[in-house]
Amino acid sequence: MSKRVVITGLGVAAPNGVGIPAFTHSLKNGISGIRHDAQLQQLQFSCQIAGQPQISEELKLAYFTELELRGFNSTGILYGVIAGIEAWKNAGLPIEINENPDWDSGTIFGSGTSGIDKFRESIYKIDELQVRRLGSTVVAQTMNSGISAYLGGKLGLGNQVTTNSSACATGTEAIMMAYDRIESGQAKRILAGSTGDSGPYIWAGFDALRVCSSNYNDNPEQGSRPMSASAAGFVPGSGAGALVIEDLESALDRGATIYAEIIGGNVNSGGQRGSGSMTAPNSTAVQRCITNALHNAGISAHDIDAINGHLTATTKDSLEIENWTKALNRKGHDFPFINSLKSMTGHCLSAAGSIESVAAVLQLHEGFLFGNLNCEDLNPEVTALIDASKVPSKTINTNLNIIAKASFGFGDVNACIIFKKFQN
């Protein structure tokens, strides 16, 4: 028989809050984590603002030894370890040094790239004929699975330990992969999430594509404007989100806090056919992903109380809303509430889906809907489809039962998860 799947732990390293208490405070109070970036200005980027988690040296030492930090230069692994271990501890799970690994627990932790700054450092040392000075951790820091390898070792995980990578859908896909593994009984718990590196070597390509916001360099907190008429592109961001996904029986046996239940979802691709391309979504595939997620979860479109959208503050925002209206057959005042975390964090790329999923679960668990910053001037293409009241600009205290979370990524890939308030 299939298992019921619940969320028992949360962790985050986000631009607007490192750790669940700080992140929750920012969500409820509309606090942005987007700041001016002196390095981007120095490098003459068009977009000179970004969202980066604020990590002190003291905080690093809470998760890594001084020896581990010697020669360490991977922001993505740093964020992922901080978020992942917080989620593990938040779930009430011990970190033990035993002879045998924990065969019932694993991690599926996604990443877009790993250790880009470490790669750059290595290239310079190689060019200067200093290969022997690269250090012993270069491979672990630069392999794409570095984040799951670090977490697997720190937590002694003996079940599946792997890293997925599907552009901006990575984090949402990782949670769905964990859900599938637990529902089928192959693991009791999976630490699921994703991470994304910071810095110009990640963000330069998007700046070159002219899809980043460059109109608000002097007003960073106003730069990310999903669904706004004055949206001018996305603000690059980074960080990590993590969730402990567990079978209900195991969670109840150990008396764990249950934040929410995952009742289903779907992952698909538009195949870069029809309207789809490397950078544009195939609307038919997006709509199928949503409707298949509802079918998999065993609910109707009218059961959805709120949507946490992908909504990056580009010209595709109104198309995303249109796809939701068609997939749900709901529009105008009948449409669910919808919000975008990117108004506070920027677009955290491979980390986006997991950080946003943490935000979605917190809303269910604590009974609120966070507001969308910078969208008082809603795009008329959006208001032609849905009522403006469905896009709150400030936090609303409300008990939500079901939230749909979707992410869409380069390569025409889609993922949608259905989160439900837990009821035994």
Protein backbone atom coordinates (compact mmCIF):
# COMPACT_ATOMS: atom_id res chain seq x y z
CA MET A 1 0.00 0.00 0.00
CA SER A 2 1.16 3.54 -0.72
CA LYS A 3 2.29 5.65 2.24
CA ARG A 4 0.96 9.04 3.27
CA VAL A 5 3.75 11.60 2.97
CA VAL A 6 4.24 14.51 5.35
CA ILE A 7 6.72 17.31 6.02
CA THR A 8 8.35 17.21 9.45
CA GLY A 9 11.30 19.60 9.12
CA LEU A 10 12.09 22.93 7.44
CA GLY A 11 15.33 24.81 6.83
CA VAL A 12 16.28 27.82 4.75
CA ALA A 13 19.12 30.12 3.77
CA ALA A 14 17.30 32.85 1.86
CA PRO A 15 18.23 36.41 0.88
CA ASN A 16 15.60 37.75 3.31
CA GLY A 17 16.28 35.37 6.18
CA VAL A 18 18.72 32.65 7.19
CA GLY A 19 16.90 30.20 9.45
CA ILE A 20 13.17 29.57 9.74
CA PRO A 21 12.42 32.22 12.44
CA ALA A 22 14.06 35.05 10.47
CA PHE A 23 12.57 33.88 7.18
CA THR A 24 9.06 33.61 8.64
CA HIS A 25 9.36 37.11 10.12
CA SER A 26 10.34 38.48 6.70
CA LEU A 27 7.45 36.70 4.96
CA LYS A 28 4.87 38.06 7.39
CA ASN A 29 6.26 41.59 7.35
CA GLY A 30 7.10 41.96 3.66
CA ILE A 31 10.85 42.30 4.19
CA SER A 32 12.97 42.19 1.06
CA GLY A 33 16.42 40.61 0.86
CA ILE A 34 17.42 42.36 -2.36
CA ARG A 35 20.43 44.66 -1.99
CA HIS A 36 22.88 46.63 -4.07
CA ASP A 37 25.80 44.46 -5.21
CA ALA A 38 29.09 46.37 -5.46
CA GLN A 39 30.76 43.56 -7.41
CA LEU A 40 28.07 43.62 -10.11
CA GLN A 41 28.49 47.39 -10.36
CA GLN A 42 32.27 47.07 -10.62
CA LEU A 43 31.86 44.48 -13.38
CA GLN A 44 29.48 46.82 -15.23
CA PHE A 45 26.48 44.52 -15.17
CA SER A 46 23.24 46.08 -16.34
CA CYS A 47 21.58 44.68 -13.21
CA GLN A 48 23.53 45.75 -10.12
CA ILE A 49 21.22 44.36 -7.44
CA ALA A 50 20.85 40.79 -6.16
CA GLY A 51 19.44 38.61 -3.41
CA GLN A 52 22.08 36.75 -1.37
CA PRO A 53 21.81 35.12 2.06
CA GLN A 54 23.78 36.97 4.70
CA ILE A 55 26.15 34.39 6.22
CA SER A 56 28.55 35.40 9.00
CA GLU A 57 31.83 33.65 9.74
CA GLU A 58 30.36 32.67 13.11
CA LEU A 59 27.42 30.97 11.40
CA LYS A 60 29.73 29.06 9.06
CA LEU A 61 31.55 27.62 12.07
CA ALA A 62 28.26 26.31 13.42
CA TYR A 63 28.04 23.97 10.42
CA PHE A 64 31.66 23.43 9.30
CA THR A 65 34.90 22.88 11.16
CA GLU A 66 37.82 25.24 10.66
CA LEU A 67 39.58 22.45 8.78
CA GLU A 68 36.62 22.01 6.43
CA LEU A 69 36.52 25.74 5.75
CA ARG A 70 40.21 25.83 4.79
CA GLY A 71 40.18 26.23 1.01
CA PHE A 72 36.38 26.08 0.95
CA ASN A 73 34.85 28.30 -1.73
CA SER A 74 31.41 26.98 -2.69
CA THR A 75 28.49 29.21 -1.70
CA GLY A 76 25.96 26.67 -2.97
CA ILE A 77 27.24 23.89 -0.72
CA LEU A 78 27.45 26.36 2.17
CA TYR A 79 23.80 27.41 1.78
CA GLY A 80 22.62 23.84 1.23
CA VAL A 81 24.37 22.46 4.31
CA ILE A 82 23.00 25.27 6.49
CA ALA A 83 19.42 24.77 5.22
CA GLY A 84 19.64 20.98 5.21
CA ILE A 85 21.00 20.57 8.73
CA GLU A 86 18.53 23.13 10.06
CA ALA A 87 15.67 21.11 8.53
CA TRP A 88 17.08 17.88 10.02
CA LYS A 89 17.33 19.39 13.51
CA ASN A 90 13.96 21.13 13.08
CA ALA A 91 12.47 17.68 12.44
CA GLY A 92 13.81 16.52 15.81
CA LEU A 93 16.24 14.08 14.21
CA PRO A 94 19.62 13.38 15.83
CA ILE A 95 23.03 13.78 14.21
CA GLU A 96 24.94 10.73 15.40
CA ILE A 97 28.39 9.35 14.67
CA ASN A 98 27.76 5.61 14.34
CA GLU A 99 29.56 2.77 12.65
CA ASN A 100 26.57 2.12 10.37
CA PRO A 101 24.68 4.68 8.29
CA ASP A 102 20.98 5.42 8.70
CA TRP A 103 19.57 3.01 6.11
CA ASP A 104 16.05 4.51 6.32
CA SER A 105 17.08 8.10 5.55
CA GLY A 106 18.48 9.73 2.42
CA THR A 107 18.71 13.04 0.59
CA ILE A 108 17.66 14.29 -2.81
CA PHE A 109 19.16 17.77 -2.93
CA GLY A 110 19.27 19.61 -6.23
CA SER A 111 21.75 22.05 -7.68
CA GLY A 112 22.21 23.97 -10.92
CA THR A 113 25.98 24.18 -10.64
CA SER A 114 28.50 23.71 -7.86
CA GLY A 115 31.54 25.68 -6.82
CA ILE A 116 31.81 28.10 -9.74
CA ASP A 117 34.16 30.31 -7.72
CA LYS A 118 36.22 27.22 -6.87
CA PHE A 119 36.42 26.40 -10.58
CA ARG A 120 37.67 29.91 -11.28
CA GLU A 121 40.28 29.64 -8.53
CA SER A 122 41.38 26.26 -9.93
CA ILE A 123 41.72 27.58 -13.46
CA TYR A 124 44.07 30.34 -12.29
CA LYS A 125 46.19 27.89 -10.32
CA ILE A 126 46.38 25.51 -13.28
CA ASP A 127 47.40 28.35 -15.62
CA GLU A 128 50.12 29.29 -13.13
CA LEU A 129 51.35 25.66 -13.04
CA GLN A 130 50.25 25.22 -9.41
CA VAL A 131 48.11 22.09 -9.82
CA ARG A 132 49.46 20.53 -6.61
CA ARG A 133 48.20 23.52 -4.65
CA LEU A 134 44.56 22.97 -5.63
CA GLY A 135 43.82 21.16 -2.37
CA SER A 136 42.05 17.93 -1.57
CA THR A 137 38.45 19.22 -1.63
CA VAL A 138 38.28 20.64 -5.16
CA VAL A 139 36.43 17.63 -6.57
CA ALA A 140 33.88 17.52 -3.75
CA GLN A 141 33.20 21.23 -4.08
CA THR A 142 32.88 21.31 -7.86
CA MET A 143 31.01 18.09 -8.67
CA ASN A 144 27.31 18.79 -9.14
CA SER A 145 26.45 16.23 -6.47
CA GLY A 146 28.72 17.96 -3.96
CA ILE A 147 25.76 19.22 -1.92
CA SER A 148 24.15 15.79 -1.46
CA ALA A 149 27.57 14.26 -0.76
CA TYR A 150 28.29 16.79 2.00
CA LEU A 151 24.85 16.34 3.57
CA GLY A 152 25.02 12.57 3.25
CA GLY A 153 28.32 12.51 5.14
CA LYS A 154 27.40 14.99 7.83
CA LEU A 155 24.14 13.16 8.59
CA GLY A 156 25.28 9.58 7.93
CA LEU A 157 22.55 8.88 5.37
CA GLY A 158 22.35 5.32 4.04
CA ASN A 159 19.36 5.49 1.71
CA GLN A 160 19.40 7.27 -1.66
CA VAL A 161 21.88 10.17 -1.71
CA THR A 162 21.72 12.09 -4.97
CA THR A 163 21.48 15.47 -6.68
CA ASN A 164 18.96 16.36 -9.38
CA SER A 165 19.25 19.29 -11.78
CA SER A 166 16.39 20.76 -13.82
CA ALA A 167 17.12 24.49 -14.03
CA CYS A 168 14.59 26.60 -12.11
CA ALA A 169 12.32 23.58 -11.50
CA THR A 170 15.09 21.76 -9.59
CA GLY A 171 13.86 22.30 -6.03
CA THR A 172 10.23 21.46 -6.74
CA GLU A 173 11.30 18.38 -8.69
CA ALA A 174 13.54 17.23 -5.80
CA ILE A 175 10.57 17.32 -3.42
CA MET A 176 8.47 15.32 -5.88
CA MET A 177 11.25 12.75 -6.24
CA ALA A 178 11.39 12.42 -2.46
CA TYR A 179 7.60 12.11 -2.30
CA ASP A 180 7.65 9.28 -4.85
CA ARG A 181 10.37 7.37 -2.98
CA ILE A 182 8.61 7.60 0.37
CA GLU A 183 5.12 6.90 -0.99
CA SER A 184 6.45 3.67 -2.54
CA GLY A 185 7.99 2.61 0.78
CA GLN A 186 11.63 2.74 -0.34
CA ALA A 187 12.62 5.16 2.43
CA LYS A 188 11.19 6.43 5.71
CA ARG A 189 12.47 9.94 5.23
CA ILE A 190 14.29 12.03 2.64
CA LEU A 191 15.95 15.40 3.16
CA ALA A 192 14.76 17.17 0.00
CA GLY A 193 15.69 20.58 -1.31
CA SER A 194 17.94 22.52 -3.60
CA THR A 195 20.67 25.12 -3.56
CA GLY A 196 22.14 27.77 -5.84
CA ASP A 197 25.53 29.49 -5.92
CA SER A 198 25.92 33.26 -5.67
CA GLY A 199 27.95 35.58 -7.81
CA PRO A 200 28.65 37.05 -11.23
CA TYR A 201 29.82 33.79 -12.81
CA ILE A 202 26.31 32.39 -12.29
CA TRP A 203 24.40 35.54 -13.13
CA ALA A 204 26.39 36.97 -16.07
CA GLY A 205 24.65 34.86 -18.70
CA PHE A 206 21.22 36.10 -17.64
CA ASP A 207 22.45 39.69 -17.64
CA ALA A 208 23.76 39.12 -21.18
CA LEU A 209 20.32 37.77 -22.18
CA ARG A 210 18.85 41.09 -20.96
CA VAL A 211 16.26 39.35 -18.80
CA CYS A 212 17.42 40.96 -15.53
CA SER A 213 16.08 44.10 -13.90
CA SER A 214 18.26 47.16 -14.54
CA ASN A 215 15.82 50.01 -13.82
CA TYR A 216 16.06 49.87 -10.03
CA ASN A 217 19.78 49.81 -9.28
CA ASP A 218 19.32 52.80 -6.97
CA ASN A 219 16.23 51.27 -5.28
CA PRO A 220 17.07 47.58 -4.79
CA GLU A 221 13.99 46.61 -2.77
CA GLN A 222 11.76 47.84 -5.60
CA GLY A 223 13.63 45.87 -8.26
CA SER A 224 11.72 42.58 -8.21
CA ARG A 225 8.17 43.22 -9.42
CA PRO A 226 6.26 40.04 -10.33
CA MET A 227 2.88 40.70 -12.01
CA SER A 228 3.58 44.45 -12.05
CA ALA A 229 3.00 46.71 -15.04
CA SER A 230 6.44 48.18 -14.37
CA ALA A 231 8.24 44.83 -14.10
CA ALA A 232 11.56 45.07 -15.90
CA GLY A 233 13.07 41.60 -15.60
CA PHE A 234 14.10 39.34 -12.75
CA VAL A 235 16.57 40.09 -9.98
CA PRO A 236 19.18 37.31 -9.60
CA GLY A 237 19.22 35.54 -6.27
CA SER A 238 20.69 32.55 -4.46
CA GLY A 239 20.30 30.41 -1.37
CA ALA A 240 18.83 27.06 -0.37
CA GLY A 241 15.65 25.53 0.98
CA ALA A 242 15.25 22.14 2.66
CA LEU A 243 12.36 19.96 3.82
CA VAL A 244 12.36 16.66 5.69
CA ILE A 245 9.85 14.50 3.80
CA GLU A 246 8.69 11.51 5.84
CA ASP A 247 6.10 8.76 5.84
CA LEU A 248 3.23 9.49 8.21
CA GLU A 249 3.64 6.34 10.26
CA SER A 250 7.27 7.14 11.03
CA ALA A 251 6.41 10.76 11.88
CA LEU A 252 3.63 9.76 14.27
CA ASP A 253 5.74 7.03 15.90
CA ARG A 254 8.39 9.54 16.95
CA GLY A 255 5.96 12.34 17.82
CA ALA A 256 7.26 14.72 15.15
CA THR A 257 5.75 18.11 14.38
CA ILE A 258 3.91 17.80 11.06
CA TYR A 259 3.98 21.02 9.06
CA ALA A 260 1.90 19.84 6.09
CA GLU A 261 1.07 16.85 3.93
CA ILE A 262 2.10 16.33 0.31
CA ILE A 263 -0.89 14.80 -1.44
CA GLY A 264 0.48 14.66 -4.99
CA GLY A 265 2.07 16.47 -7.89
CA ASN A 266 3.48 16.12 -11.37
CA VAL A 267 6.67 16.68 -13.33
CA ASN A 268 6.74 16.97 -17.13
CA SER A 269 8.30 18.74 -20.12
CA GLY A 270 6.99 20.52 -23.18
CA GLY A 271 9.73 18.90 -25.25
CA GLN A 272 10.63 22.32 -26.72
CA ARG A 273 7.84 21.74 -29.21
CA GLY A 274 4.96 24.00 -30.19
CA SER A 275 5.32 27.25 -28.24
CA GLY A 276 8.07 25.71 -26.10
CA SER A 277 11.79 26.37 -26.53
CA MET A 278 14.94 26.37 -24.43
CA THR A 279 13.75 29.55 -22.72
CA ALA A 280 9.97 29.67 -23.34
CA PRO A 281 7.30 27.37 -21.91
CA ASN A 282 5.02 25.14 -23.92
CA SER A 283 1.68 26.29 -22.51
CA THR A 284 0.01 22.96 -23.22
CA ALA A 285 2.66 21.19 -21.13
CA VAL A 286 2.32 23.70 -18.28
CA GLN A 287 -1.44 23.20 -18.18
CA ARG A 288 -1.04 19.40 -18.33
CA CYS A 289 1.45 19.53 -15.45
CA ILE A 290 -1.09 21.39 -13.30
CA THR A 291 -4.10 19.22 -14.23
CA ASN A 292 -2.10 16.01 -13.80
CA ALA A 293 -0.93 17.22 -10.39
CA LEU A 294 -4.55 17.72 -9.34
CA HIS A 295 -5.48 14.27 -10.63
CA ASN A 296 -2.52 12.68 -8.84
CA ALA A 297 -3.54 14.42 -5.61
CA GLY A 298 -7.17 13.36 -5.98
CA ILE A 299 -8.59 16.88 -5.72
CA SER A 300 -10.55 19.26 -7.93
CA ALA A 301 -9.43 22.66 -9.14
CA HIS A 302 -11.88 24.33 -6.73
CA ASP A 303 -10.12 22.75 -3.76
CA ILE A 304 -7.10 25.02 -4.26
CA ASP A 305 -7.08 27.99 -1.88
CA ALA A 306 -3.83 29.59 -3.05
CA ILE A 307 -1.08 29.30 -5.62
CA ASN A 308 2.58 30.00 -5.01
CA GLY A 309 3.61 30.77 -8.56
CA HIS A 310 6.88 30.77 -10.46
CA LEU A 311 6.27 34.41 -11.55
CA THR A 312 9.71 35.87 -12.17
CA ALA A 313 8.81 39.51 -13.08
CA THR A 314 9.34 39.02 -16.81
CA THR A 315 6.97 39.24 -19.77
CA LYS A 316 5.99 35.60 -19.11
CA ASP A 317 4.09 36.43 -15.89
CA SER A 318 0.77 37.07 -17.61
CA LEU A 319 1.19 33.88 -19.69
CA GLU A 320 1.69 31.91 -16.47
CA ILE A 321 -1.53 33.39 -15.05
CA GLU A 322 -3.35 32.53 -18.28
CA ASN A 323 -2.11 28.93 -18.06
CA TRP A 324 -3.37 28.66 -14.48
CA THR A 325 -6.80 30.03 -15.45
CA LYS A 326 -7.09 27.48 -18.26
CA ALA A 327 -5.76 24.54 -16.23
CA LEU A 328 -8.08 25.29 -13.29
CA ASN A 329 -10.97 26.66 -15.35
CA ARG A 330 -11.12 29.47 -12.81
CA LYS A 331 -10.74 33.19 -13.48
CA GLY A 332 -11.83 36.60 -12.27
CA HIS A 333 -12.98 36.58 -8.65
CA ASP A 334 -13.23 32.77 -8.70
CA PHE A 335 -9.44 32.46 -9.08
CA PRO A 336 -7.42 31.38 -5.98
CA PHE A 337 -5.09 33.77 -4.19
CA ILE A 338 -1.68 33.90 -5.84
CA ASN A 339 1.70 35.16 -4.66
CA SER A 340 5.34 35.16 -5.69
CA LEU A 341 8.20 34.97 -3.20
CA LYS A 342 10.51 36.43 -5.84
CA SER A 343 9.23 39.89 -4.95
CA MET A 344 11.24 39.52 -1.69
CA THR A 345 14.15 37.28 -2.72
CA GLY A 346 14.68 37.73 -6.42
CA HIS A 347 14.90 34.63 -8.59
CA CYS A 348 17.06 32.10 -6.76
CA LEU A 349 17.33 29.90 -9.88
CA SER A 350 17.99 26.26 -8.93
CA ALA A 351 17.19 27.09 -5.28
CA ALA A 352 13.92 28.86 -6.08
CA GLY A 353 11.55 25.91 -5.93
CA SER A 354 12.73 24.67 -2.56
CA ILE A 355 12.88 28.08 -0.85
CA GLU A 356 9.42 28.88 -2.22
CA SER A 357 8.11 25.48 -1.08
CA VAL A 358 9.32 26.23 2.45
CA ALA A 359 7.39 29.51 2.25
CA ALA A 360 4.28 27.70 0.99
CA VAL A 361 4.39 25.18 3.85
CA LEU A 362 4.90 27.91 6.46
CA GLN A 363 1.77 29.66 5.17
CA LEU A 364 -0.28 26.48 5.62
CA HIS A 365 1.14 25.72 9.05
CA GLU A 366 0.90 29.23 10.51
CA GLY A 367 -2.28 30.44 8.79
CA PHE A 368 -1.23 33.39 6.66
CA LEU A 369 -0.72 34.41 3.05
CA PHE A 370 2.29 36.65 2.42
CA GLY A 371 1.84 39.73 0.26
CA ASN A 372 3.40 40.48 -3.11
CA LEU A 373 5.79 43.42 -2.95
CA ASN A 374 5.95 46.04 -5.69
CA CYS A 375 2.76 45.03 -7.51
CA GLU A 376 0.40 47.86 -6.60
CA ASP A 377 0.45 48.66 -10.33
CA LEU A 378 -0.78 45.26 -11.49
CA ASN A 379 -0.17 44.43 -15.12
CA PRO A 380 -3.44 44.98 -17.04
CA GLU A 381 -2.80 41.66 -18.80
CA VAL A 382 -3.05 40.04 -15.37
CA THR A 383 -6.17 41.92 -14.21
CA ALA A 384 -7.87 41.02 -17.51
CA LEU A 385 -7.65 37.40 -16.33
CA ILE A 386 -8.05 37.50 -12.54
CA ASP A 387 -9.47 39.87 -9.95
CA ALA A 388 -6.92 42.24 -8.40
CA SER A 389 -8.05 41.15 -4.91
CA LYS A 390 -6.50 37.74 -5.61
CA VAL A 391 -3.02 39.32 -5.70
CA PRO A 392 -2.61 40.73 -2.18
CA SER A 393 0.10 43.33 -1.66
CA LYS A 394 0.18 42.82 2.12
CA THR A 395 0.07 39.77 4.38
CA ILE A 396 -3.36 38.30 5.06
CA ASN A 397 -4.08 36.18 8.14
CA THR A 398 -6.17 33.30 6.83
CA ASN A 399 -6.46 29.56 7.29
CA LEU A 400 -5.49 27.85 4.05
CA ASN A 401 -6.14 24.19 3.37
CA ILE A 402 -4.44 23.52 0.02
CA ILE A 403 -1.64 25.38 -1.78
CA ALA A 404 -0.40 24.52 -5.26
CA LYS A 405 3.28 25.26 -5.88
CA ALA A 406 4.69 25.27 -9.40
CA SER A 407 8.09 25.92 -10.96
CA PHE A 408 9.08 26.17 -14.62
CA GLY A 409 12.61 26.09 -15.99
CA PHE A 410 14.97 26.43 -18.96
CA GLY A 411 14.69 23.41 -21.20
CA ASP A 412 10.86 23.66 -21.11
CA VAL A 413 10.56 21.68 -17.84
CA ASN A 414 7.71 21.92 -15.33
CA ALA A 415 6.93 20.74 -11.80
CA CYS A 416 3.85 21.19 -9.62
CA ILE A 417 3.27 20.03 -6.03
CA ILE A 418 0.07 20.04 -3.99
CA PHE A 419 0.58 20.82 -0.28
CA LYS A 420 -2.28 20.28 2.20
CA LYS A 421 -2.76 21.33 5.82
CA PHE A 422 -2.26 18.16 7.84
CA GLN A 423 -5.30 16.40 9.29
CA ASN A 424 -4.84 12.95 10.78
